Amino acid sequence: MIDDLKRFTHFAGRDLNSHMPVIEAYRRMYRVFEPIRVKLVGHALTAAEIIELLKALMHPERRK
């Protein structure tokens, strides 16, 4: 679309490959989410639960 149709030209010359190995991050998040999921009937995620899920996204070696 950028080169052939001359659309979205502000993206020209950029690497637009969004493929990343994320399966391990999703597995970590799932392990945190699964115990929470069973308690979600009738209420939404709390801020603390969301924070825990987002922490799981980061690789353990990069956590402080």
Protein backbone atom coordinates (compact mmCIF):
# COMPACT_ATOMS: atom_id res chain seq x y z
CA MET A 1 0.00 0.00 0.00
CA ILE A 2 2.84 2.37 0.80
CA ASP A 3 4.92 1.78 -2.29
CA ASP A 4 2.39 0.61 -4.86
CA LEU A 5 -0.60 2.77 -3.99
CA LYS A 6 1.37 5.72 -2.57
CA ARG A 7 -0.79 5.63 0.56
CA PHE A 8 0.43 6.17 4.13
CA THR A 9 3.67 7.57 2.80
CA HIS A 10 4.73 8.74 6.26
CA PHE A 11 5.51 5.04 6.91
CA ALA A 12 7.82 4.74 3.90
CA GLY A 13 11.25 3.34 4.64
CA ARG A 14 10.27 1.83 8.00
CA ASP A 15 10.47 -1.80 9.03
CA LEU A 16 6.80 -2.66 9.54
CA ASN A 17 7.27 -6.29 10.57
CA SER A 18 5.27 -6.67 13.78
CA HIS A 19 5.93 -10.37 14.24
CA MET A 20 7.56 -11.12 17.57
CA PRO A 21 8.05 -14.25 19.65
CA VAL A 22 5.48 -13.60 22.38
CA ILE A 23 4.13 -17.04 23.24
CA GLU A 24 6.21 -17.33 26.42
CA ALA A 25 4.98 -13.91 27.62
CA TYR A 26 1.39 -14.94 26.94
CA ARG A 27 1.93 -18.18 28.87
CA ARG A 28 3.25 -16.25 31.87
CA MET A 29 0.24 -13.93 31.72
CA TYR A 30 -2.13 -16.89 31.43
CA ARG A 31 -0.66 -18.53 34.54
CA VAL A 32 -1.39 -15.33 36.45
CA PHE A 33 -4.82 -14.84 34.88
CA GLU A 34 -6.23 -18.35 35.28
CA PRO A 35 -6.70 -18.17 39.10
CA ILE A 36 -8.21 -14.68 38.69
CA ARG A 37 -10.56 -15.77 35.91
CA VAL A 38 -12.58 -18.11 38.11
CA LYS A 39 -13.42 -15.17 40.40
CA LEU A 40 -14.41 -12.75 37.63
CA VAL A 41 -18.10 -13.66 37.49
CA GLY A 42 -19.97 -10.51 38.38
CA HIS A 43 -16.99 -8.15 38.64
CA ALA A 44 -14.22 -6.69 36.53
CA LEU A 45 -10.47 -6.94 37.01
CA THR A 46 -9.13 -4.78 39.80
CA ALA A 47 -6.22 -2.41 39.28
CA ALA A 48 -3.99 -4.76 41.30
CA GLU A 49 -4.97 -7.72 39.10
CA ILE A 50 -4.23 -5.76 35.94
CA ILE A 51 -0.84 -4.75 37.35
CA GLU A 52 -0.02 -8.39 38.11
CA LEU A 53 -0.95 -9.40 34.57
CA LEU A 54 1.22 -6.67 33.09
CA LYS A 55 4.13 -7.61 35.34
CA ALA A 56 3.89 -11.17 34.02
CA LEU A 57 4.30 -9.81 30.50
CA MET A 58 7.86 -8.70 31.28
CA HIS A 59 10.51 -11.41 31.19
CA PRO A 60 11.58 -12.41 34.72
CA GLU A 61 15.20 -11.50 34.00
CA ARG A 62 14.21 -7.91 33.20
CA ARG A 63 12.13 -7.34 36.35
CA LYS A 64 13.55 -5.21 39.14
